[in-house]
């Protein structure tokens, strides 16, 4: 499916939530573990992905014992290079940005909540206000890793 001379680029980015940590930041971190628990309380333990479900494994979305690297190599690709994009300094987020980030997750897309969407959002916002009454949060975001693969000669 690649154009001649084309490359397969895999972007490993977790941009909805920052890294775990206990180091001091200017504002509290969003309570991601509690938010995940709340999502589970509304939608059940089986994670959704689009209109289907997401398999359980150590690597989210991966239902095989093979790594991406194993699969690409078996498909006739060779690793060319890796680029890391630094996340930079901690990022400030407000309550609305955190809520939007929750709804950007395939397993917490608004459609999954059906008629309980408003109730879920109300509960998320209440949780966020308990964590940071002023609605201000801070996170150290994650670096983004980009791998380039080309068809083996």
Protein backbone atom coordinates (compact mmCIF):
# COMPACT_ATOMS: atom_id res chain seq x y z
CA UNK A 1 0.00 0.00 0.00
CA UNK A 2 3.04 2.28 0.17
CA UNK A 3 4.13 4.43 -2.71
CA UNK A 4 7.52 3.39 -4.12
CA UNK A 5 10.17 4.65 -1.72
CA UNK A 6 7.48 5.27 0.94
CA UNK A 7 7.76 4.59 4.64
CA UNK A 8 5.53 3.31 7.41
CA UNK A 9 5.59 5.74 10.33
CA UNK A 10 4.31 4.68 13.74
CA UNK A 11 3.58 7.45 16.25
CA UNK A 12 3.51 6.43 19.91
CA UNK A 13 1.74 9.28 21.66
CA UNK A 14 -0.19 9.35 24.88
CA UNK A 15 -1.35 12.94 24.92
CA UNK A 16 -4.54 12.78 26.97
CA UNK A 17 -2.74 12.47 30.32
CA UNK A 18 0.63 13.32 31.75
CA UNK A 19 3.12 11.05 33.47
CA UNK A 20 2.50 9.80 36.97
CA UNK A 21 4.61 11.43 39.60
CA UNK A 22 4.82 13.02 42.97
CA UNK A 23 7.07 15.96 42.13
CA UNK A 24 5.69 19.39 42.89
CA UNK A 25 3.79 21.16 40.12
CA UNK A 26 2.14 24.60 40.21
CA UNK A 27 -1.36 23.03 40.31
CA UNK A 28 -2.68 19.54 41.15
CA UNK A 29 -2.52 16.75 38.61
CA UNK A 30 -5.88 15.57 37.24
CA UNK A 31 -7.03 12.45 39.15
CA UNK A 32 -6.67 10.08 36.17
CA UNK A 33 -6.93 6.83 38.14
CA UNK A 34 -10.17 8.00 39.74
CA UNK A 35 -11.49 9.18 36.37
CA UNK A 36 -10.76 5.73 34.90
CA UNK A 37 -12.61 4.15 37.83
CA UNK A 38 -15.58 6.43 37.19
CA UNK A 39 -15.59 5.50 33.49
CA UNK A 40 -15.64 1.84 34.54
CA UNK A 41 -18.48 2.48 36.98
CA UNK A 42 -20.58 3.91 34.14
CA UNK A 43 -19.54 1.64 31.28
CA UNK A 44 -18.39 -1.59 32.91
CA UNK A 45 -15.02 -3.30 33.05
CA UNK A 46 -14.75 -4.14 29.33
CA UNK A 47 -13.08 -1.24 27.57
CA UNK A 48 -14.69 0.00 24.39
CA UNK A 49 -12.91 0.97 21.19
CA UNK A 50 -15.06 2.61 18.57
CA UNK A 51 -18.13 0.39 18.20
CA UNK A 52 -16.30 -2.68 19.47
CA UNK A 53 -14.31 -3.61 22.54
CA UNK A 54 -10.64 -3.40 23.36
CA UNK A 55 -8.83 -6.62 24.28
CA UNK A 56 -7.25 -6.93 27.68
CA UNK A 57 -3.45 -7.14 27.64
CA UNK A 58 -0.35 -5.51 29.00
CA UNK A 59 -0.21 -3.14 26.02
CA UNK A 60 -3.55 -1.41 25.48
CA UNK A 61 -5.05 -2.40 22.16
CA UNK A 62 -2.63 -5.27 21.58
CA UNK A 63 -4.24 -8.69 21.69
CA UNK A 64 -1.16 -10.64 20.56
CA UNK A 65 2.11 -11.65 22.16
CA UNK A 66 3.97 -9.98 19.29
CA UNK A 67 5.42 -6.51 19.48
CA UNK A 68 4.89 -3.93 16.75
CA UNK A 69 8.52 -4.50 15.80
CA UNK A 70 8.00 -8.27 15.41
CA UNK A 71 4.92 -7.75 13.26
CA UNK A 72 6.57 -5.17 10.99
CA UNK A 73 9.72 -7.27 10.56
CA UNK A 74 7.62 -10.36 9.71
CA UNK A 75 5.73 -8.24 7.15
CA UNK A 76 9.00 -7.39 5.38
CA UNK A 77 9.86 -4.03 6.89
CA UNK A 78 13.17 -2.88 8.33
CA UNK A 79 13.58 -0.35 11.09
CA UNK A 80 15.12 2.91 9.84
CA UNK A 81 15.05 5.44 12.64
CA UNK A 82 13.39 6.72 15.77
CA UNK A 83 12.66 10.31 16.65
CA UNK A 84 11.65 11.50 20.11
CA UNK A 85 9.65 14.69 20.41
CA UNK A 86 10.17 16.12 23.88
CA UNK A 87 7.05 17.04 25.78
CA UNK A 88 8.73 20.14 27.15
CA UNK A 89 7.79 21.87 30.38
CA UNK A 90 4.72 21.02 32.46
CA UNK A 91 1.42 21.95 30.83
CA UNK A 92 -1.39 23.89 32.49
CA UNK A 93 -4.92 22.60 31.86
CA UNK A 94 -8.28 23.87 32.95
CA UNK A 95 -11.31 21.78 33.88
CA UNK A 96 -12.80 22.01 30.37
CA UNK A 97 -9.55 20.75 28.81
CA UNK A 98 -9.44 17.76 31.17
CA UNK A 99 -13.09 16.90 30.42
CA UNK A 100 -12.43 17.19 26.67
CA UNK A 101 -9.41 14.93 27.13
CA UNK A 102 -11.58 12.29 28.84
CA UNK A 103 -14.09 12.37 25.99
CA UNK A 104 -11.27 12.08 23.43
CA UNK A 105 -10.54 8.54 24.62
CA UNK A 106 -12.01 5.86 22.36
CA UNK A 107 -13.22 3.97 25.42
CA UNK A 108 -14.91 7.07 26.89
CA UNK A 109 -16.34 8.68 23.77
CA UNK A 110 -19.55 10.58 24.52
CA UNK A 111 -21.73 8.18 22.49
CA UNK A 112 -20.85 5.31 24.84
CA UNK A 113 -22.68 7.00 27.72
CA UNK A 114 -26.00 7.34 25.89
CA UNK A 115 -28.64 9.02 28.05
CA UNK A 116 -26.21 9.10 31.03
CA UNK A 117 -23.74 11.44 29.29
CA UNK A 118 -24.76 14.57 31.22
CA UNK A 119 -24.70 12.64 34.51
CA UNK A 120 -21.22 11.28 33.79
CA UNK A 121 -19.88 14.72 32.86
CA UNK A 122 -21.40 16.19 36.03
CA UNK A 123 -19.64 13.49 38.10
CA UNK A 124 -16.29 14.05 36.36
CA UNK A 125 -16.52 17.80 36.94
CA UNK A 126 -17.42 17.28 40.62
CA UNK A 127 -14.39 15.01 40.99
CA UNK A 128 -12.17 17.60 39.33
CA UNK A 129 -13.47 20.39 41.59
CA UNK A 130 -12.76 18.26 44.67
CA UNK A 131 -9.18 17.91 43.42
CA UNK A 132 -8.74 21.55 42.38
CA UNK A 133 -11.53 23.92 43.44
CA UNK A 134 -10.20 26.63 41.13
CA UNK A 135 -10.41 24.26 38.13
CA UNK A 136 -6.69 24.57 37.31
CA UNK A 137 -4.47 21.52 36.76
CA UNK A 138 -0.91 20.88 35.71
CA UNK A 139 0.76 17.85 34.14
CA UNK A 140 4.13 16.84 32.83
CA UNK A 141 3.16 15.49 29.44
CA UNK A 142 4.83 12.47 27.87
CA UNK A 143 7.43 12.48 25.14
CA UNK A 144 6.19 11.30 21.75
CA UNK A 145 8.12 8.55 19.97
CA UNK A 146 8.06 8.25 16.19
CA UNK A 147 9.44 5.13 14.46
CA UNK A 148 10.12 4.94 10.73
CA UNK A 149 10.04 1.60 8.90
CA UNK A 150 10.69 0.94 5.21
CA UNK A 151 10.12 -2.15 3.09
CA UNK A 152 13.17 -4.40 3.26
CA UNK A 153 15.15 -4.45 0.00
